[in-house]
Amino acid sequence: MIEWIHQQWERWLSDMPEIYFNILESVFVILILIIIRLIVLRIVYRKTEEVDIRYRWRKNMTYILTFIGFIVVGRIWFEGVGSLATFLGLLGAGLIIAIREPLMDMAGWGYLLWRKPFVVGDRIEIGGNQGDVIDTRLFKFTLLEIGNWVHADQSTGRVIHIPNHRLFIEPIANYTSGFDFIWNEIEVIITFESNWKKAKEILTRIANDHLNDYVEDADKQVKKASNSYLIKYNYLTPIVYSEVVSGQGVKLTLRHLTDPRKRRKTNMIIWEDILDRFQSEVDIHFAYQTYRITGKPDKGV
């Protein structure tokens, strides 16, 4: 009986079209590789509970088995893979598919060395992540995070590791490359009844007292940066803009240059000076959200 079944199986295989036979062999190879991956990962999961170790094993097993599967299945479908050149071609293609992301990370590292979109010490933003670059490596770069749940671009204490291939798919904002200053704005809203012209003059004097040192340095840096970038500013000195905010009052916006790493401290110094100066002025008052209700008087009164 067993011999008869064996004969029938061989006859069925011999009568089967080659494409079906190749499909069966390919499915068998894929199933074997999946089983190997599951067995290895189960052993790893029993040996350790470290999330990062488990993650690396999952990724590495996926890369390795994908590469092996590509080569084995390729030999099934292409019988002429006996030549060295063809085999090496498939080997290279399989290698690129299996380790595509690491290769892109290495390309990103080369881009960092060649184009230098940022260097260690720069403050950047990429893909919604902001921070100071504290390390660059072959496969990743590292940021010391700023912002997020804390205010005014101060450090959160978290370290973010970002794969180098993100350099090719995410826009990069560099706070400090070529030009060490950023523009900052402080908004002060006073009531309509206040002497807004005097308030504007006070803000201008405060800005000049605290920020004039930045102007000379910024002017030198703009001239230097213009050799590499099309950076042009009509003025670099602090300026105060005025506008009306409906329902609140007159908004005076102080626009000025500042060191991106000292923005919060600079804001604090300027605000404390504003509070002191305005407190001594009887005709200047801060505005706040108010509501006015009007209606017709009662005729019976």
Protein backbone atom coordinates (compact mmCIF):
# COMPACT_ATOMS: atom_id res chain seq x y z
CA MET A 1 0.00 0.00 0.00
CA ILE A 2 2.77 2.40 0.96
CA GLU A 3 4.66 1.55 -2.23
CA TRP A 4 1.54 2.22 -4.30
CA ILE A 5 1.05 5.60 -2.62
CA HIS A 6 4.69 6.42 -3.27
CA GLN A 7 4.31 5.51 -6.95
CA GLN A 8 1.15 7.59 -7.28
CA TRP A 9 2.89 10.55 -5.62
CA GLU A 10 5.85 10.32 -8.01
CA ARG A 11 3.50 10.02 -10.99
CA TRP A 12 1.53 13.04 -9.79
CA LEU A 13 4.70 15.03 -9.39
CA SER A 14 5.97 14.01 -12.81
CA ASP A 15 2.68 15.03 -14.45
CA MET A 16 2.52 18.34 -12.58
CA PRO A 17 3.39 21.42 -14.64
CA GLU A 18 6.72 22.91 -13.70
CA ILE A 19 5.21 26.16 -12.53
CA TYR A 20 3.05 24.37 -9.95
CA PHE A 21 6.04 22.42 -8.74
CA ASN A 22 8.02 25.64 -8.34
CA ILE A 23 5.15 27.21 -6.40
CA LEU A 24 5.00 24.26 -4.01
CA GLU A 25 8.75 24.33 -3.44
CA SER A 26 8.69 28.09 -2.87
CA VAL A 27 5.85 27.85 -0.35
CA PHE A 28 7.66 25.01 1.41
CA VAL A 29 10.86 27.05 1.68
CA ILE A 30 8.98 30.10 3.00
CA LEU A 31 7.16 27.99 5.60
CA ILE A 32 10.44 26.46 6.77
CA LEU A 33 12.01 29.89 7.14
CA ILE A 34 8.98 31.19 9.08
CA ILE A 35 9.17 28.20 11.42
CA ILE A 36 12.90 28.76 11.96
CA ARG A 37 12.24 32.41 12.80
CA LEU A 38 9.48 31.50 15.28
CA ILE A 39 11.68 28.90 16.99
CA VAL A 40 14.65 31.24 17.30
CA LEU A 41 12.53 34.11 18.61
CA ARG A 42 10.81 31.84 21.13
CA ILE A 43 14.21 30.80 22.48
CA VAL A 44 15.32 34.44 22.65
CA TYR A 45 12.09 35.48 24.43
CA ARG A 46 12.66 32.75 27.03
CA LYS A 47 16.25 33.82 27.60
CA THR A 48 15.69 37.56 28.03
CA GLU A 49 12.99 40.10 28.75
CA GLU A 50 15.01 43.08 27.48
CA VAL A 51 12.88 44.86 24.87
CA ASP A 52 15.84 46.19 22.89
CA ILE A 53 17.50 42.74 22.65
CA ARG A 54 14.25 41.18 21.48
CA TYR A 55 13.81 43.93 18.93
CA ARG A 56 17.32 43.46 17.50
CA TRP A 57 16.80 39.71 17.20
CA ARG A 58 13.48 40.24 15.38
CA LYS A 59 15.03 42.67 12.94
CA ASN A 60 18.19 40.64 12.34
CA MET A 61 16.30 37.37 11.83
CA THR A 62 14.01 39.12 9.36
CA TYR A 63 16.97 40.47 7.39
CA ILE A 64 18.91 37.19 7.38
CA LEU A 65 15.99 34.88 6.55
CA THR A 66 14.68 37.24 3.88
CA PHE A 67 18.08 37.15 2.23
CA ILE A 68 18.29 33.35 2.44
CA GLY A 69 14.74 32.98 1.17
CA PHE A 70 15.45 35.23 -1.79
CA ILE A 71 18.48 33.16 -2.81
CA VAL A 72 16.80 29.76 -2.35
CA VAL A 73 13.54 30.72 -4.05
CA GLY A 74 15.54 32.38 -6.82
CA ARG A 75 17.37 29.11 -7.51
CA ILE A 76 14.02 27.32 -7.71
CA TRP A 77 12.61 29.66 -10.34
CA PHE A 78 15.81 30.25 -12.27
CA GLU A 79 17.57 27.00 -13.02
CA GLY A 80 20.36 28.77 -14.84
CA VAL A 81 21.76 30.32 -11.71
CA GLY A 82 24.75 28.09 -12.00
CA SER A 83 26.97 30.77 -13.44
CA LEU A 84 28.94 32.83 -10.96
CA ALA A 85 27.95 36.16 -12.49
CA THR A 86 24.21 35.45 -12.29
CA PHE A 87 24.51 34.11 -8.78
CA LEU A 88 26.45 37.15 -7.61
CA GLY A 89 23.88 39.42 -9.25
CA LEU A 90 21.04 37.75 -7.37
CA LEU A 91 23.13 37.72 -4.24
CA GLY A 92 23.66 41.46 -4.47
CA ALA A 93 19.99 42.12 -5.19
CA GLY A 94 18.95 39.94 -2.28
CA LEU A 95 21.42 41.68 -0.02
CA ILE A 96 20.06 45.09 -0.98
CA ILE A 97 16.48 44.00 -0.30
CA ALA A 98 17.31 42.29 2.98
CA ILE A 99 19.36 45.11 4.46
CA ARG A 100 17.85 48.08 2.62
CA GLU A 101 17.44 50.27 5.71
CA PRO A 102 20.97 49.72 7.05
CA LEU A 103 22.36 50.56 3.62
CA MET A 104 20.27 53.74 3.52
CA ASP A 105 21.53 54.57 7.03
CA MET A 106 25.11 54.24 5.77
CA ALA A 107 24.25 56.46 2.80
CA GLY A 108 22.78 58.98 5.23
CA TRP A 109 26.00 58.91 7.23
CA GLY A 110 27.94 59.66 4.05
CA TYR A 111 25.54 62.54 3.38
CA LEU A 112 26.26 63.88 6.89
CA LEU A 113 30.00 63.81 6.26
CA TRP A 114 29.78 65.29 2.77
CA ARG A 115 27.02 67.92 2.87
CA LYS A 116 27.07 68.56 6.65
CA PRO A 117 23.42 69.59 7.14
CA PHE A 118 24.35 69.64 10.82
CA VAL A 119 27.25 68.74 13.12
CA VAL A 120 27.52 67.75 16.76
CA GLY A 121 26.45 70.71 18.87
CA ASP A 122 23.87 72.10 16.41
CA ARG A 123 20.26 72.53 17.46
CA ILE A 124 17.96 71.01 14.84
CA GLU A 125 14.41 69.87 14.18
CA ILE A 126 13.64 66.80 12.06
CA GLY A 127 10.33 65.00 11.71
CA GLY A 128 8.79 66.83 14.67
CA ASN A 129 11.76 66.05 16.93
CA GLN A 130 13.74 69.01 18.28
CA GLY A 131 17.04 68.86 20.09
CA ASP A 132 20.77 69.40 20.26
CA VAL A 133 22.89 66.93 18.26
CA ILE A 134 25.09 65.07 20.73
CA ASP A 135 26.35 62.20 18.56
CA THR A 136 26.55 61.00 14.94
CA ARG A 137 27.29 57.40 13.99
CA LEU A 138 27.24 55.05 11.01
CA PHE A 139 23.59 54.10 11.38
CA LYS A 140 22.04 56.83 13.53
CA PHE A 141 22.44 60.26 15.08
CA THR A 142 21.36 61.26 18.58
CA LEU A 143 19.52 64.32 19.90
CA LEU A 144 19.13 65.67 23.41
CA GLU A 145 15.47 66.60 23.17
CA ILE A 146 14.13 70.11 23.77
CA GLY A 147 10.57 71.41 23.94
CA ASN A 148 7.78 68.85 23.85
CA TRP A 149 6.13 69.08 27.30
CA VAL A 150 8.48 71.80 28.57
CA HIS A 151 8.41 75.37 27.29
CA ALA A 152 10.77 77.77 25.54
CA ASP A 153 13.03 75.20 23.88
CA GLN A 154 14.55 73.88 27.10
CA SER A 155 15.82 70.34 27.52
CA THR A 156 13.49 67.50 28.53
CA GLY A 157 16.42 65.25 29.45
CA ARG A 158 15.36 62.60 26.92
CA VAL A 159 17.81 61.22 24.36
CA ILE A 160 16.35 60.51 20.89
CA HIS A 161 18.08 58.12 18.47
CA ILE A 162 17.13 58.78 14.83
CA PRO A 163 18.16 56.50 11.90
CA ASN A 164 20.31 58.24 9.34
CA HIS A 165 17.98 57.36 6.45
CA ARG A 166 15.45 59.86 7.87
CA LEU A 167 17.72 62.56 6.44
CA PHE A 168 16.43 61.67 2.96
CA ILE A 169 12.71 61.73 3.80
CA GLU A 170 12.30 64.43 6.47
CA PRO A 171 12.91 68.19 6.24
CA ILE A 172 15.70 69.42 8.52
CA ALA A 173 15.61 72.76 10.32
CA ASN A 174 18.95 73.91 11.75
CA TYR A 175 18.76 76.61 14.41
CA THR A 176 22.48 77.35 14.55
CA SER A 177 24.20 76.45 11.27
CA GLY A 178 25.67 79.46 9.47
CA PHE A 179 23.66 81.94 11.55
CA ASP A 180 23.74 81.62 15.33
CA PHE A 181 20.65 83.70 16.03
CA ILE A 182 16.92 83.28 15.56
CA TRP A 183 14.13 85.84 15.50
CA ASN A 184 11.93 85.94 18.56
CA GLU A 185 8.76 87.90 19.29
CA ILE A 186 7.27 89.12 22.56
CA GLU A 187 3.65 90.26 22.47
CA VAL A 188 2.42 92.90 24.91
CA ILE A 189 -1.27 93.87 24.88
CA ILE A 190 -2.39 97.11 26.53
CA THR A 191 -5.83 98.65 26.85
CA PHE A 192 -7.27 101.04 24.28
CA GLU A 193 -7.23 103.78 26.91
CA SER A 194 -3.48 103.40 27.48
CA ASN A 195 -0.87 105.70 25.99
CA TRP A 196 0.27 103.20 23.37
CA LYS A 197 2.88 105.54 21.87
CA LYS A 198 4.65 105.86 25.21
CA ALA A 199 4.42 102.09 25.70
CA LYS A 200 5.98 101.54 22.29
CA GLU A 201 8.85 103.87 23.12
CA ILE A 202 9.45 102.05 26.42
CA LEU A 203 9.56 98.68 24.68
CA THR A 204 12.02 100.04 22.13
CA ARG A 205 14.33 101.36 24.86
CA ILE A 206 14.14 98.05 26.75
CA ALA A 207 15.03 96.11 23.60
CA ASN A 208 17.98 98.35 22.84
CA ASP A 209 19.25 98.08 26.41
CA HIS A 210 19.27 94.28 26.40
CA LEU A 211 19.71 93.26 22.79
CA ASN A 212 22.10 95.66 21.07
CA ASP A 213 25.02 93.31 21.68
CA TYR A 214 23.42 90.77 19.37
CA VAL A 215 23.10 93.18 16.45
CA GLU A 216 26.82 93.62 15.72
CA ASP A 217 27.53 89.88 15.95
CA ALA A 218 24.51 89.08 13.80
CA ASP A 219 25.58 91.54 11.13
CA LYS A 220 28.99 89.86 10.86
CA GLN A 221 27.40 86.42 10.67
CA VAL A 222 24.91 87.45 7.99
CA LYS A 223 27.75 88.72 5.80
CA LYS A 224 29.65 85.49 6.36
CA ALA A 225 26.60 83.26 5.77
CA SER A 226 25.77 85.11 2.54
CA ASN A 227 28.79 83.39 0.98
CA SER A 228 26.95 80.06 1.22
CA TYR A 229 23.26 81.01 1.49
CA LEU A 230 20.97 83.68 0.13
CA ILE A 231 20.35 85.34 3.49
CA LYS A 232 19.35 88.99 3.42
CA TYR A 233 17.81 91.17 6.12
CA ASN A 234 16.93 94.82 5.72
CA TYR A 235 17.56 95.42 9.40
CA LEU A 236 18.79 93.48 12.41
CA THR A 237 17.92 95.91 15.17
CA PRO A 238 14.91 95.27 17.44
CA ILE A 239 11.61 96.70 16.24
CA VAL A 240 8.18 97.08 17.79
CA TYR A 241 5.07 96.51 15.67
CA SER A 242 1.65 97.78 16.68
CA GLU A 243 -1.80 96.47 15.81
CA VAL A 244 -5.32 96.38 17.22
CA VAL A 245 -6.69 93.18 18.73
CA SER A 246 -10.46 93.24 18.60
CA GLY A 247 -12.06 92.98 22.03
CA GLN A 248 -8.75 93.31 23.89
CA GLY A 249 -6.68 96.37 23.05
CA VAL A 250 -3.49 97.43 21.29
CA LYS A 251 -0.93 94.70 20.71
CA LEU A 252 2.71 95.75 20.64
CA THR A 253 4.99 93.03 19.25
CA LEU A 254 8.68 93.28 20.04
CA ARG A 255 10.66 91.41 17.34
CA HIS A 256 14.33 90.83 18.07
CA LEU A 257 17.31 88.54 17.53
CA THR A 258 18.28 86.12 20.26
CA ASP A 259 20.49 83.13 20.96
CA PRO A 260 18.27 80.04 20.48
CA ARG A 261 19.71 78.45 23.62
CA LYS A 262 19.01 81.57 25.71
CA ARG A 263 15.54 82.41 24.44
CA ARG A 264 13.73 81.71 27.69
CA LYS A 265 16.23 83.63 29.82
CA THR A 266 16.12 86.59 27.41
CA ASN A 267 12.31 86.58 27.50
CA MET A 268 12.37 86.57 31.29
CA ILE A 269 14.78 89.52 31.52
CA ILE A 270 12.79 91.59 29.03
CA TRP A 271 9.43 90.77 30.65
CA GLU A 272 10.67 91.67 34.12
CA ASP A 273 11.88 95.02 32.79
CA ILE A 274 8.55 95.59 31.04
CA LEU A 275 6.62 94.87 34.25
CA ASP A 276 8.80 97.25 36.24
CA ARG A 277 8.59 100.07 33.68
CA PHE A 278 4.85 99.78 33.05
CA GLN A 279 4.07 99.61 36.77
CA SER A 280 5.44 103.11 37.22
CA GLU A 281 3.32 104.51 34.36
CA VAL A 282 -0.19 105.61 35.38
CA ASP A 283 -1.40 105.86 31.78
CA ILE A 284 -0.35 102.37 30.63
CA HIS A 285 -2.36 99.28 31.62
CA PHE A 286 -2.17 95.69 30.49
CA ALA A 287 -5.25 94.43 28.69
CA TYR A 288 -7.09 91.22 29.44
CA GLN A 289 -10.04 89.46 27.94
CA THR A 290 -13.16 91.55 28.61
CA TYR A 291 -16.80 91.41 27.62
CA ARG A 292 -19.09 94.39 27.14
CA ILE A 293 -22.85 93.97 27.31
CA THR A 294 -25.07 96.71 25.89
CA GLY A 295 -28.84 96.89 25.69
CA LYS A 296 -31.81 99.16 25.59
CA PRO A 297 -32.80 100.85 28.90
CA ASP A 298 -35.98 99.74 30.56
CA LYS A 299 -38.78 102.17 29.53
CA GLY A 300 -40.47 101.75 32.87
CA VAL A 301 -37.50 103.19 34.74
